């Protein structure tokens, strides 16, 4: 058996393009057809956001980022449409803008339990589709219980900041790589793919990585 091609993905739970990119990558990996091992890494788009931000994503983008409200509407409409094209129903009317540091800690805990991919999907769905809160420990514990993790253990781990150092290490690695936006995919440790590319682009890079392995 050949070793799976490793794909390291830097991503944030409140990044709309990260969820779209996840779907497009999954489609590309299916087209590729070979064995792929995915690991998610932490990236904070807005680390200064309060856990309970008083306002909507539209308010956040206009107030904190200085984008005109009309432009924000166009941006959100566009990304919602693209999300729908890959089967995702974004509900920006009910999105809770928040700080994602605890969600990233939870993803590292989930990785230690072998369910990081399930946890990532559940958090993205909670944030963009279900109107859930992914910044508060109690809410995160509920989402985690949905993928089979022990709720009390999740609360204890998040309150103790057990995986905070792992989150910071991921962020530092992103800086070392020069990653300035997400999603960012590092394929087989040598190919960097930035953004929510089309499925065929991911399939091509995976095929290239596999052919180089086969030739070595």
N, C-alpha and C. Protein backbone atom coordinates (compact mmCIF):
# COMPACT_ATOMS: atom_id res chain seq x y z
N UNK A 1 0.85 -1.20 0.00
CA UNK A 1 0.00 0.00 0.00
C UNK A 1 0.89 1.25 0.00
N UNK A 2 0.59 2.19 -0.90
CA UNK A 2 1.34 3.44 -0.93
C UNK A 2 0.84 4.36 0.17
N UNK A 3 1.72 5.24 0.62
CA UNK A 3 1.34 6.21 1.64
C UNK A 3 0.39 7.25 1.05
N UNK A 4 -0.67 7.61 1.76
CA UNK A 4 -1.60 8.63 1.24
C UNK A 4 -0.87 9.96 1.01
N UNK A 5 -1.35 10.73 0.06
CA UNK A 5 -0.83 12.07 -0.14
C UNK A 5 -1.36 12.97 0.97
N UNK A 6 -0.44 13.60 1.68
CA UNK A 6 -0.84 14.44 2.81
C UNK A 6 -1.24 15.83 2.31
N UNK A 7 -2.36 16.29 2.79
CA UNK A 7 -2.84 17.63 2.46
C UNK A 7 -3.08 18.39 3.75
N UNK A 8 -2.28 19.43 3.96
CA UNK A 8 -2.43 20.29 5.14
C UNK A 8 -3.19 21.54 4.72
N UNK A 9 -4.28 21.82 5.43
CA UNK A 9 -5.16 22.93 5.04
C UNK A 9 -5.25 23.95 6.17
N UNK A 10 -4.81 25.18 5.85
CA UNK A 10 -5.01 26.29 6.80
C UNK A 10 -6.35 26.92 6.51
N UNK A 11 -7.12 27.15 7.57
CA UNK A 11 -8.52 27.51 7.38
C UNK A 11 -9.06 28.14 8.66
N UNK A 12 -10.13 28.93 8.51
CA UNK A 12 -10.82 29.48 9.69
C UNK A 12 -12.29 29.08 9.62
N UNK A 13 -12.87 28.85 10.78
CA UNK A 13 -14.26 28.39 10.87
C UNK A 13 -15.24 29.45 10.34
N UNK A 14 -14.86 30.74 10.41
CA UNK A 14 -15.78 31.78 9.94
C UNK A 14 -15.37 32.33 8.57
N UNK A 15 -14.62 31.55 7.82
CA UNK A 15 -14.20 31.94 6.48
C UNK A 15 -15.14 31.31 5.45
N UNK A 16 -15.97 32.13 4.76
CA UNK A 16 -16.92 31.54 3.80
C UNK A 16 -16.24 30.79 2.66
N UNK A 17 -15.09 31.30 2.23
CA UNK A 17 -14.38 30.63 1.14
C UNK A 17 -13.75 29.31 1.58
N UNK A 18 -13.50 29.18 2.90
CA UNK A 18 -12.93 27.93 3.41
C UNK A 18 -13.92 26.77 3.29
N UNK A 19 -15.20 27.05 3.54
CA UNK A 19 -16.23 26.01 3.42
C UNK A 19 -16.44 25.66 1.94
N UNK A 20 -16.48 26.70 1.09
CA UNK A 20 -16.59 26.47 -0.35
C UNK A 20 -15.37 25.71 -0.85
N UNK A 21 -14.18 26.13 -0.40
CA UNK A 21 -12.96 25.45 -0.79
C UNK A 21 -12.91 24.01 -0.33
N UNK A 22 -13.48 23.75 0.84
CA UNK A 22 -13.55 22.38 1.36
C UNK A 22 -14.34 21.50 0.41
N UNK A 23 -15.50 21.99 -0.04
CA UNK A 23 -16.33 21.22 -0.96
C UNK A 23 -15.62 21.00 -2.30
N UNK A 24 -14.96 22.04 -2.79
CA UNK A 24 -14.28 21.92 -4.09
C UNK A 24 -13.08 20.99 -3.98
N UNK A 25 -12.36 21.06 -2.86
CA UNK A 25 -11.24 20.14 -2.66
C UNK A 25 -11.74 18.70 -2.58
N UNK A 26 -12.82 18.48 -1.83
CA UNK A 26 -13.37 17.12 -1.71
C UNK A 26 -13.75 16.56 -3.07
N UNK A 27 -14.33 17.43 -3.91
CA UNK A 27 -14.69 17.00 -5.27
C UNK A 27 -13.44 16.68 -6.09
N UNK A 28 -12.41 17.51 -5.92
CA UNK A 28 -11.15 17.27 -6.63
C UNK A 28 -10.46 16.00 -6.18
N UNK A 29 -10.51 15.74 -4.87
CA UNK A 29 -9.90 14.52 -4.35
C UNK A 29 -10.64 13.30 -4.88
N UNK A 30 -11.97 13.41 -5.02
CA UNK A 30 -12.76 12.31 -5.57
C UNK A 30 -12.39 12.08 -7.04
N UNK A 31 -12.18 13.16 -7.80
CA UNK A 31 -11.76 13.03 -9.20
C UNK A 31 -10.39 12.37 -9.28
N UNK A 32 -9.50 12.75 -8.38
CA UNK A 32 -8.15 12.18 -8.34
C UNK A 32 -8.21 10.68 -8.08
N UNK A 33 -9.00 10.29 -7.10
CA UNK A 33 -9.27 8.88 -6.86
C UNK A 33 -8.27 8.14 -6.01
N UNK A 34 -7.14 8.77 -5.68
CA UNK A 34 -6.14 8.11 -4.85
C UNK A 34 -6.36 8.37 -3.37
N UNK A 35 -5.46 7.83 -2.56
CA UNK A 35 -5.56 8.01 -1.11
C UNK A 35 -5.04 9.38 -0.70
N UNK A 36 -5.84 10.09 0.06
CA UNK A 36 -5.49 11.43 0.53
C UNK A 36 -5.72 11.50 2.03
N UNK A 37 -4.76 12.07 2.74
CA UNK A 37 -4.90 12.29 4.19
C UNK A 37 -4.94 13.78 4.45
N UNK A 38 -6.03 14.24 5.05
CA UNK A 38 -6.23 15.67 5.27
C UNK A 38 -6.04 16.02 6.75
N UNK A 39 -5.32 17.11 6.98
CA UNK A 39 -5.20 17.65 8.34
C UNK A 39 -5.45 19.15 8.28
N UNK A 40 -6.33 19.63 9.16
CA UNK A 40 -6.65 21.05 9.21
C UNK A 40 -5.76 21.78 10.23
N UNK A 41 -5.41 23.00 9.87
CA UNK A 41 -4.56 23.84 10.72
C UNK A 41 -5.24 25.18 10.96
N UNK A 42 -4.90 25.78 12.08
CA UNK A 42 -5.59 26.99 12.54
C UNK A 42 -5.07 28.24 11.84
N UNK A 43 -6.03 29.11 11.50
CA UNK A 43 -5.74 30.43 10.97
C UNK A 43 -6.87 31.33 11.43
N UNK A 44 -6.53 32.44 12.07
CA UNK A 44 -7.55 33.37 12.57
C UNK A 44 -7.65 34.59 11.66
N UNK A 45 -8.77 34.74 10.99
CA UNK A 45 -8.97 35.89 10.11
C UNK A 45 -9.13 37.19 10.89
N UNK A 46 -9.78 37.12 12.04
CA UNK A 46 -10.06 38.33 12.83
C UNK A 46 -9.89 38.02 14.31
N UNK A 47 -8.62 37.85 14.76
CA UNK A 47 -8.39 37.44 16.15
C UNK A 47 -8.81 38.46 17.19
N UNK A 48 -9.06 39.71 16.75
CA UNK A 48 -9.46 40.75 17.70
C UNK A 48 -10.98 40.83 17.88
N UNK A 49 -11.72 39.93 17.23
CA UNK A 49 -13.18 39.94 17.34
C UNK A 49 -13.62 39.48 18.73
N UNK A 50 -14.52 40.20 19.38
CA UNK A 50 -15.03 39.71 20.67
C UNK A 50 -15.88 38.46 20.48
N UNK A 51 -15.94 37.63 21.50
CA UNK A 51 -16.73 36.40 21.43
C UNK A 51 -18.18 36.72 21.12
N UNK A 52 -18.71 37.72 21.80
CA UNK A 52 -20.10 38.12 21.56
C UNK A 52 -20.12 39.47 20.85
N UNK A 53 -19.75 39.45 19.60
CA UNK A 53 -19.78 40.68 18.79
C UNK A 53 -21.22 41.16 18.67
N UNK A 54 -21.43 42.44 18.94
CA UNK A 54 -22.78 43.01 18.93
C UNK A 54 -23.10 43.50 17.52
N UNK A 55 -23.58 42.59 16.71
CA UNK A 55 -23.92 42.96 15.35
C UNK A 55 -23.83 41.77 14.41
N UNK A 56 -24.15 42.03 13.16
CA UNK A 56 -24.15 40.99 12.14
C UNK A 56 -22.82 40.97 11.41
N UNK A 57 -22.59 39.95 10.56
CA UNK A 57 -21.39 39.97 9.72
C UNK A 57 -21.32 41.23 8.86
N UNK A 58 -22.48 41.71 8.40
CA UNK A 58 -22.51 42.96 7.62
C UNK A 58 -21.99 44.12 8.48
N UNK A 59 -22.44 44.19 9.74
CA UNK A 59 -21.97 45.24 10.65
C UNK A 59 -20.46 45.12 10.86
N UNK A 60 -20.00 43.89 11.04
CA UNK A 60 -18.57 43.66 11.29
C UNK A 60 -17.73 44.16 10.12
N UNK A 61 -18.13 43.78 8.91
CA UNK A 61 -17.35 44.15 7.73
C UNK A 61 -17.38 45.65 7.47
N UNK A 62 -18.51 46.28 7.76
CA UNK A 62 -18.60 47.72 7.53
C UNK A 62 -17.92 48.52 8.65
N UNK A 63 -18.11 48.07 9.90
CA UNK A 63 -17.55 48.81 11.03
C UNK A 63 -16.05 48.54 11.22
N UNK A 64 -15.68 47.27 11.19
CA UNK A 64 -14.31 46.90 11.52
C UNK A 64 -13.37 46.95 10.30
N UNK A 65 -13.90 46.68 9.13
CA UNK A 65 -13.07 46.61 7.93
C UNK A 65 -13.22 47.83 7.02
N UNK A 66 -14.17 48.71 7.36
CA UNK A 66 -14.33 49.93 6.61
C UNK A 66 -14.91 49.76 5.22
N UNK A 67 -15.67 48.67 5.02
CA UNK A 67 -16.28 48.42 3.71
C UNK A 67 -17.68 49.02 3.69
N UNK A 68 -18.03 49.70 2.62
CA UNK A 68 -19.34 50.33 2.51
C UNK A 68 -20.44 49.27 2.60
N UNK A 69 -21.53 49.56 3.33
CA UNK A 69 -22.62 48.58 3.50
C UNK A 69 -23.15 48.02 2.18
N UNK A 70 -23.26 48.87 1.16
CA UNK A 70 -23.77 48.38 -0.13
C UNK A 70 -22.81 47.36 -0.74
N UNK A 71 -21.51 47.62 -0.56
CA UNK A 71 -20.51 46.69 -1.07
C UNK A 71 -20.54 45.38 -0.30
N UNK A 72 -20.77 45.48 1.01
CA UNK A 72 -20.88 44.26 1.83
C UNK A 72 -22.04 43.41 1.34
N UNK A 73 -23.18 44.06 1.06
CA UNK A 73 -24.34 43.31 0.56
C UNK A 73 -23.99 42.55 -0.72
N UNK A 74 -23.29 43.20 -1.61
CA UNK A 74 -22.89 42.56 -2.87
C UNK A 74 -21.94 41.39 -2.61
N UNK A 75 -20.99 41.60 -1.68
CA UNK A 75 -20.03 40.54 -1.35
C UNK A 75 -20.74 39.31 -0.78
N UNK A 76 -21.66 39.56 0.15
CA UNK A 76 -22.36 38.45 0.80
C UNK A 76 -23.29 37.73 -0.17
N UNK A 77 -23.93 38.49 -1.04
CA UNK A 77 -24.80 37.87 -2.06
C UNK A 77 -23.97 36.99 -2.99
N UNK A 78 -22.81 37.48 -3.37
CA UNK A 78 -21.95 36.73 -4.29
C UNK A 78 -21.47 35.43 -3.65
N UNK A 79 -20.96 35.53 -2.42
CA UNK A 79 -20.42 34.33 -1.80
C UNK A 79 -21.52 33.33 -1.47
N UNK A 80 -22.72 33.84 -1.15
CA UNK A 80 -23.86 32.95 -0.89
C UNK A 80 -24.24 32.19 -2.16
N UNK A 81 -24.20 32.88 -3.28
CA UNK A 81 -24.50 32.23 -4.55
C UNK A 81 -23.49 31.17 -4.92
N UNK A 82 -22.21 31.47 -4.70
CA UNK A 82 -21.16 30.49 -5.01
C UNK A 82 -21.28 29.29 -4.06
N UNK A 83 -21.59 29.57 -2.80
CA UNK A 83 -21.78 28.47 -1.84
C UNK A 83 -22.91 27.56 -2.29
N UNK A 84 -24.00 28.15 -2.77
CA UNK A 84 -25.14 27.35 -3.22
C UNK A 84 -24.75 26.46 -4.40
N UNK A 85 -23.81 26.93 -5.22
CA UNK A 85 -23.39 26.14 -6.39
C UNK A 85 -22.65 24.87 -5.99
N UNK A 86 -22.14 24.82 -4.76
CA UNK A 86 -21.48 23.60 -4.28
C UNK A 86 -22.32 22.91 -3.18
N UNK A 87 -23.62 23.27 -3.11
CA UNK A 87 -24.53 22.57 -2.22
C UNK A 87 -24.61 23.09 -0.80
N UNK A 88 -24.14 24.33 -0.58
CA UNK A 88 -24.16 24.90 0.77
C UNK A 88 -25.15 26.05 0.84
N UNK A 89 -26.01 26.04 1.86
CA UNK A 89 -27.03 27.08 2.01
C UNK A 89 -26.64 28.04 3.13
N UNK A 90 -25.83 29.03 2.79
CA UNK A 90 -25.40 30.02 3.78
C UNK A 90 -26.60 30.86 4.22
N UNK A 91 -26.65 31.12 5.53
CA UNK A 91 -27.75 31.92 6.09
C UNK A 91 -27.15 33.10 6.86
N UNK A 92 -26.74 34.13 6.11
CA UNK A 92 -26.06 35.26 6.75
C UNK A 92 -26.97 36.06 7.67
N UNK A 93 -28.28 35.91 7.54
CA UNK A 93 -29.19 36.61 8.44
C UNK A 93 -29.08 36.10 9.87
N UNK A 94 -28.54 34.88 10.03
CA UNK A 94 -28.47 34.29 11.36
C UNK A 94 -27.05 33.90 11.78
N UNK A 95 -26.05 34.37 11.04
CA UNK A 95 -24.66 34.07 11.41
C UNK A 95 -24.26 34.90 12.64
N UNK A 96 -23.59 34.25 13.59
CA UNK A 96 -23.09 34.94 14.78
C UNK A 96 -21.59 35.21 14.61
N UNK A 97 -21.26 36.45 14.26
CA UNK A 97 -19.85 36.84 14.17
C UNK A 97 -19.22 36.67 15.55
N UNK A 98 -18.03 36.05 15.60
CA UNK A 98 -17.45 35.75 16.91
C UNK A 98 -15.95 35.56 16.80
N UNK A 99 -15.32 35.32 17.92
CA UNK A 99 -13.90 34.96 17.97
C UNK A 99 -13.80 33.44 17.83
N UNK A 100 -12.87 32.97 16.99
CA UNK A 100 -12.82 31.53 16.70
C UNK A 100 -11.70 30.77 17.41
N UNK A 101 -11.02 31.41 18.36
CA UNK A 101 -9.87 30.75 18.99
C UNK A 101 -10.28 29.43 19.67
N UNK A 102 -11.43 29.43 20.35
CA UNK A 102 -11.88 28.22 21.04
C UNK A 102 -12.28 27.13 20.04
N UNK A 103 -12.84 27.53 18.90
CA UNK A 103 -13.18 26.56 17.87
C UNK A 103 -11.91 25.88 17.35
N UNK A 104 -10.83 26.66 17.23
CA UNK A 104 -9.56 26.08 16.78
C UNK A 104 -8.98 25.13 17.83
N UNK A 105 -9.11 25.51 19.09
CA UNK A 105 -8.66 24.59 20.16
C UNK A 105 -9.45 23.29 20.09
N UNK A 106 -10.75 23.42 19.85
CA UNK A 106 -11.60 22.23 19.75
C UNK A 106 -11.17 21.34 18.58
N UNK A 107 -10.80 21.94 17.46
CA UNK A 107 -10.36 21.15 16.31
C UNK A 107 -9.10 20.36 16.62
N UNK A 108 -8.20 20.94 17.42
CA UNK A 108 -7.00 20.20 17.82
C UNK A 108 -7.35 19.05 18.77
N UNK A 109 -8.28 19.31 19.67
CA UNK A 109 -8.74 18.23 20.55
C UNK A 109 -9.39 17.12 19.73
N UNK A 110 -10.22 17.50 18.77
CA UNK A 110 -10.88 16.51 17.92
C UNK A 110 -9.85 15.68 17.14
N UNK A 111 -8.78 16.36 16.71
CA UNK A 111 -7.71 15.63 16.00
C UNK A 111 -7.12 14.55 16.90
N UNK A 112 -6.94 14.88 18.17
CA UNK A 112 -6.37 13.90 19.11
C UNK A 112 -7.28 12.70 19.31
N UNK A 113 -8.56 12.88 18.99
CA UNK A 113 -9.55 11.81 19.13
C UNK A 113 -9.89 11.15 17.79
N UNK A 114 -9.22 11.61 16.72
CA UNK A 114 -9.45 10.99 15.42
C UNK A 114 -10.68 11.45 14.67
N UNK A 115 -11.27 12.57 15.09
CA UNK A 115 -12.50 13.03 14.43
C UNK A 115 -12.38 14.50 13.99
N UNK A 116 -11.17 14.92 13.60
CA UNK A 116 -11.00 16.32 13.21
C UNK A 116 -11.83 16.69 11.99
N UNK A 117 -11.87 15.81 11.00
CA UNK A 117 -12.61 16.13 9.77
C UNK A 117 -14.10 16.29 10.04
N UNK A 118 -14.64 15.40 10.87
CA UNK A 118 -16.05 15.50 11.24
C UNK A 118 -16.32 16.78 12.04
N UNK A 119 -15.37 17.13 12.90
CA UNK A 119 -15.53 18.33 13.72
C UNK A 119 -15.48 19.59 12.86
N UNK A 120 -14.57 19.62 11.90
CA UNK A 120 -14.45 20.78 11.01
C UNK A 120 -15.76 20.99 10.24
N UNK A 121 -16.28 19.92 9.68
CA UNK A 121 -17.53 20.02 8.93
C UNK A 121 -18.66 20.50 9.83
N UNK A 122 -18.73 19.97 11.04
CA UNK A 122 -19.81 20.34 11.97
C UNK A 122 -19.72 21.81 12.37
N UNK A 123 -18.51 22.32 12.57
CA UNK A 123 -18.34 23.72 12.96
C UNK A 123 -18.71 24.67 11.81
N UNK A 124 -18.27 24.34 10.61
CA UNK A 124 -18.60 25.17 9.46
C UNK A 124 -20.11 25.19 9.22
N UNK A 125 -20.73 24.04 9.33
CA UNK A 125 -22.18 23.96 9.15
C UNK A 125 -22.91 24.75 10.23
N UNK A 126 -22.44 24.61 11.47
CA UNK A 126 -23.06 25.35 12.57
C UNK A 126 -23.00 26.85 12.31
N UNK A 127 -21.85 27.31 11.87
CA UNK A 127 -21.65 28.75 11.70
C UNK A 127 -22.41 29.32 10.50
N UNK A 128 -22.26 28.69 9.35
CA UNK A 128 -22.78 29.27 8.11
C UNK A 128 -24.21 28.86 7.77
N UNK A 129 -24.62 27.68 8.22
CA UNK A 129 -25.91 27.14 7.79
C UNK A 129 -26.95 27.16 8.91
N UNK A 130 -26.52 26.78 10.12
CA UNK A 130 -27.48 26.55 11.20
C UNK A 130 -27.67 27.72 12.15
N UNK A 131 -26.90 28.80 11.98
CA UNK A 131 -27.04 29.94 12.88
C UNK A 131 -26.52 29.65 14.27
N UNK A 132 -25.57 28.72 14.38
CA UNK A 132 -25.01 28.37 15.68
C UNK A 132 -23.91 29.34 16.12
N UNK A 133 -23.54 29.26 17.38
CA UNK A 133 -22.47 30.10 17.93
C UNK A 133 -21.22 29.24 18.11
N UNK A 134 -20.12 29.63 17.46
CA UNK A 134 -18.91 28.80 17.54
C UNK A 134 -17.80 29.49 18.33
N UNK A 135 -18.20 30.44 19.19
CA UNK A 135 -17.21 31.13 19.99
C UNK A 135 -17.29 30.81 21.48
N UNK A 136 -18.45 30.34 21.93
CA UNK A 136 -18.65 30.08 23.36
C UNK A 136 -18.45 28.61 23.67
N UNK A 137 -17.85 28.34 24.81
CA UNK A 137 -17.50 26.98 25.18
C UNK A 137 -18.72 26.07 25.23
N UNK A 138 -19.80 26.53 25.86
CA UNK A 138 -20.99 25.68 26.00
C UNK A 138 -21.55 25.29 24.63
N UNK A 139 -21.60 26.26 23.73
CA UNK A 139 -22.13 25.97 22.38
C UNK A 139 -21.20 25.03 21.62
N UNK A 140 -19.90 25.25 21.76
CA UNK A 140 -18.93 24.39 21.09
C UNK A 140 -19.03 22.96 21.61
N UNK A 141 -19.26 22.82 22.91
CA UNK A 141 -19.39 21.49 23.50
C UNK A 141 -20.61 20.77 22.94
N UNK A 142 -21.67 21.51 22.67
CA UNK A 142 -22.86 20.91 22.07
C UNK A 142 -22.56 20.39 20.66
N UNK A 143 -21.85 21.21 19.88
CA UNK A 143 -21.49 20.79 18.52
C UNK A 143 -20.58 19.56 18.58
N UNK A 144 -19.64 19.57 19.52
CA UNK A 144 -18.70 18.46 19.66
C UNK A 144 -19.42 17.17 20.04
N UNK A 145 -20.41 17.29 20.91
CA UNK A 145 -21.18 16.10 21.31
C UNK A 145 -21.87 15.49 20.10
N UNK A 146 -22.21 16.33 19.13
CA UNK A 146 -22.87 15.84 17.92
C UNK A 146 -21.99 14.97 17.05
N UNK A 147 -20.67 15.07 17.22
CA UNK A 147 -19.78 14.18 16.46
C UNK A 147 -19.20 13.08 17.35
N UNK A 148 -19.80 12.93 18.54
CA UNK A 148 -19.42 11.80 19.39
C UNK A 148 -18.40 12.08 20.47
N UNK A 149 -17.99 13.35 20.62
CA UNK A 149 -17.04 13.66 21.68
C UNK A 149 -17.76 13.84 23.01
N UNK A 150 -17.05 13.58 24.10
CA UNK A 150 -17.63 13.70 25.43
C UNK A 150 -17.77 15.18 25.79
N UNK A 151 -18.99 15.61 26.03
CA UNK A 151 -19.26 17.03 26.24
C UNK A 151 -18.49 17.59 27.43
N UNK A 152 -18.49 16.88 28.55
CA UNK A 152 -17.81 17.36 29.75
C UNK A 152 -16.30 17.46 29.52
N UNK A 153 -15.75 16.51 28.77
CA UNK A 153 -14.31 16.54 28.50
C UNK A 153 -13.97 17.74 27.61
N UNK A 154 -14.83 18.02 26.65
CA UNK A 154 -14.63 19.19 25.78
C UNK A 154 -14.61 20.47 26.60
N UNK A 155 -15.58 20.62 27.50
CA UNK A 155 -15.65 21.81 28.34
C UNK A 155 -14.37 21.96 29.16
N UNK A 156 -13.92 20.87 29.75
CA UNK A 156 -12.72 20.91 30.58
C UNK A 156 -11.48 21.30 29.77
N UNK A 157 -11.35 20.72 28.58
CA UNK A 157 -10.20 20.99 27.71
C UNK A 157 -10.18 22.45 27.25
N UNK A 158 -11.36 22.96 26.88
CA UNK A 158 -11.42 24.34 26.40
C UNK A 158 -11.22 25.34 27.53
N UNK A 159 -11.76 25.04 28.70
CA UNK A 159 -11.56 25.95 29.84
C UNK A 159 -10.09 25.98 30.27
N UNK A 160 -9.40 24.85 30.12
CA UNK A 160 -7.99 24.76 30.53
C UNK A 160 -7.03 25.26 29.45
N UNK A 161 -7.56 25.58 28.27
CA UNK A 161 -6.74 26.03 27.13
C UNK A 161 -5.66 25.00 26.78
N UNK A 162 -6.03 23.73 26.88
CA UNK A 162 -5.07 22.64 26.69
C UNK A 162 -4.41 22.68 25.31
N UNK A 163 -5.15 23.12 24.31
CA UNK A 163 -4.62 23.08 22.94
C UNK A 163 -4.32 24.47 22.37
N UNK A 164 -4.27 25.47 23.25
CA UNK A 164 -3.98 26.83 22.77
C UNK A 164 -2.60 26.92 22.13
N UNK A 165 -1.63 26.24 22.71
CA UNK A 165 -0.26 26.27 22.15
C UNK A 165 -0.23 25.67 20.75
N UNK A 166 -1.05 24.65 20.50
CA UNK A 166 -1.11 24.04 19.17
C UNK A 166 -1.70 25.00 18.15
N UNK A 167 -2.71 25.76 18.58
CA UNK A 167 -3.29 26.76 17.70
C UNK A 167 -2.25 27.80 17.33
N UNK A 168 -1.52 28.29 18.34
CA UNK A 168 -0.50 29.31 18.10
C UNK A 168 0.62 28.76 17.20
N UNK A 169 0.94 27.49 17.35
CA UNK A 169 1.96 26.88 16.50
C UNK A 169 1.51 26.84 15.04
N UNK A 170 0.25 26.54 14.82
CA UNK A 170 -0.30 26.55 13.46
C UNK A 170 -0.23 27.95 12.86
N UNK A 171 -0.60 28.95 13.64
CA UNK A 171 -0.58 30.33 13.17
C UNK A 171 0.85 30.75 12.83
N UNK A 172 1.80 30.35 13.67
CA UNK A 172 3.21 30.66 13.42
C UNK A 172 3.71 29.98 12.15
N UNK A 173 3.28 28.75 11.93
CA UNK A 173 3.68 28.02 10.73
C UNK A 173 3.12 28.70 9.48
N UNK A 174 1.90 29.18 9.58
CA UNK A 174 1.30 29.91 8.45
C UNK A 174 2.13 31.15 8.13
N UNK A 175 2.55 31.86 9.15
CA UNK A 175 3.38 33.05 8.94
C UNK A 175 4.71 32.66 8.30
N UNK A 176 5.28 31.54 8.75
CA UNK A 176 6.56 31.08 8.19
C UNK A 176 6.42 30.73 6.71
N UNK A 177 5.27 30.19 6.34
CA UNK A 177 5.00 29.84 4.95
C UNK A 177 4.64 31.07 4.10
N UNK A 178 4.34 32.17 4.78
CA UNK A 178 3.91 33.36 4.07
C UNK A 178 2.45 33.35 3.70
N UNK A 179 1.66 32.53 4.40
CA UNK A 179 0.22 32.45 4.13
C UNK A 179 -0.46 33.71 4.67
N UNK A 180 -1.15 34.43 3.79
CA UNK A 180 -1.81 35.65 4.21
C UNK A 180 -3.33 35.57 4.10
N UNK A 181 -3.82 34.52 3.46
CA UNK A 181 -5.26 34.33 3.33
C UNK A 181 -5.59 32.85 3.29
N UNK A 182 -6.83 32.53 3.60
CA UNK A 182 -7.25 31.13 3.61
C UNK A 182 -8.53 30.99 2.80
N UNK A 183 -8.80 29.77 2.31
CA UNK A 183 -8.07 28.53 2.57
C UNK A 183 -6.73 28.48 1.83
N UNK A 184 -5.79 27.77 2.44
CA UNK A 184 -4.49 27.54 1.82
C UNK A 184 -4.15 26.07 1.99
N UNK A 185 -3.83 25.42 0.88
CA UNK A 185 -3.59 23.98 0.86
C UNK A 185 -2.12 23.71 0.58
N UNK A 186 -1.48 22.90 1.42
CA UNK A 186 -0.11 22.45 1.16
C UNK A 186 -0.20 20.95 0.85
N UNK A 187 0.14 20.61 -0.38
CA UNK A 187 -0.06 19.25 -0.87
C UNK A 187 1.26 18.51 -0.97
N UNK A 188 1.34 17.41 -0.23
CA UNK A 188 2.53 16.56 -0.19
C UNK A 188 3.77 17.33 0.27
N UNK A 189 3.55 18.38 1.06
CA UNK A 189 4.65 19.14 1.63
C UNK A 189 5.39 20.02 0.65
N UNK A 190 4.93 20.09 -0.61
CA UNK A 190 5.69 20.87 -1.59
C UNK A 190 4.88 21.76 -2.51
N UNK A 191 3.59 21.51 -2.66
CA UNK A 191 2.77 22.35 -3.52
C UNK A 191 1.82 23.19 -2.68
N UNK A 192 1.82 24.50 -2.92
CA UNK A 192 0.89 25.38 -2.24
C UNK A 192 -0.22 25.80 -3.18
N UNK A 193 -1.46 25.65 -2.74
CA UNK A 193 -2.62 26.07 -3.53
C UNK A 193 -3.42 27.05 -2.67
N UNK A 194 -3.60 28.26 -3.19
CA UNK A 194 -4.29 29.29 -2.43
C UNK A 194 -5.71 29.49 -2.94
N UNK A 195 -6.65 29.56 -2.02
CA UNK A 195 -8.02 29.89 -2.37
C UNK A 195 -8.89 28.70 -2.72
N UNK A 196 -10.17 29.01 -2.94
CA UNK A 196 -11.17 27.98 -3.25
C UNK A 196 -11.14 27.69 -4.75
N UNK A 197 -10.10 27.00 -5.19
CA UNK A 197 -9.93 26.67 -6.61
C UNK A 197 -11.00 25.67 -7.07
N UNK A 198 -11.12 25.53 -8.37
CA UNK A 198 -12.07 24.56 -8.90
C UNK A 198 -11.58 23.14 -8.62
N UNK A 199 -12.51 22.19 -8.60
CA UNK A 199 -12.18 20.80 -8.28
C UNK A 199 -11.08 20.25 -9.20
N UNK A 200 -11.16 20.59 -10.48
CA UNK A 200 -10.17 20.08 -11.44
C UNK A 200 -8.76 20.52 -11.10
N UNK A 201 -8.62 21.73 -10.56
CA UNK A 201 -7.30 22.22 -10.19
C UNK A 201 -6.70 21.38 -9.06
N UNK A 202 -7.54 21.05 -8.07
CA UNK A 202 -7.06 20.20 -6.99
C UNK A 202 -6.71 18.80 -7.50
N UNK A 203 -7.55 18.26 -8.37
CA UNK A 203 -7.29 16.94 -8.93
C UNK A 203 -5.97 16.93 -9.68
N UNK A 204 -5.68 17.99 -10.42
CA UNK A 204 -4.44 18.07 -11.19
C UNK A 204 -3.22 18.08 -10.28
N UNK A 205 -3.28 18.88 -9.20
CA UNK A 205 -2.13 18.96 -8.29
C UNK A 205 -1.92 17.63 -7.58
N UNK A 206 -2.99 16.99 -7.16
CA UNK A 206 -2.87 15.68 -6.50
C UNK A 206 -2.29 14.65 -7.46
N UNK A 207 -2.73 14.69 -8.71
CA UNK A 207 -2.21 13.76 -9.72
C UNK A 207 -0.73 14.01 -9.97
N UNK A 208 -0.34 15.29 -10.03
CA UNK A 208 1.07 15.64 -10.22
C UNK A 208 1.91 15.13 -9.05
N UNK A 209 1.42 15.34 -7.83
CA UNK A 209 2.16 14.87 -6.66
C UNK A 209 2.31 13.36 -6.67
N UNK A 210 1.25 12.67 -7.06
CA UNK A 210 1.30 11.21 -7.12
C UNK A 210 2.28 10.73 -8.20
N UNK A 211 2.28 11.38 -9.36
CA UNK A 211 3.17 10.95 -10.44
C UNK A 211 4.62 11.19 -10.08
N UNK A 212 4.90 12.27 -9.34
CA UNK A 212 6.27 12.54 -8.91
C UNK A 212 6.72 11.48 -7.89
N UNK A 213 5.80 11.08 -7.03
CA UNK A 213 6.12 10.01 -6.08
C UNK A 213 6.43 8.72 -6.83
N UNK A 214 5.58 8.40 -7.80
CA UNK A 214 5.73 7.14 -8.54
C UNK A 214 7.05 7.10 -9.31
N UNK A 215 7.52 8.27 -9.74
CA UNK A 215 8.74 8.34 -10.54
C UNK A 215 10.00 8.31 -9.69
N UNK A 216 9.84 8.59 -8.41
CA UNK A 216 11.03 8.68 -7.54
C UNK A 216 11.46 7.30 -7.02
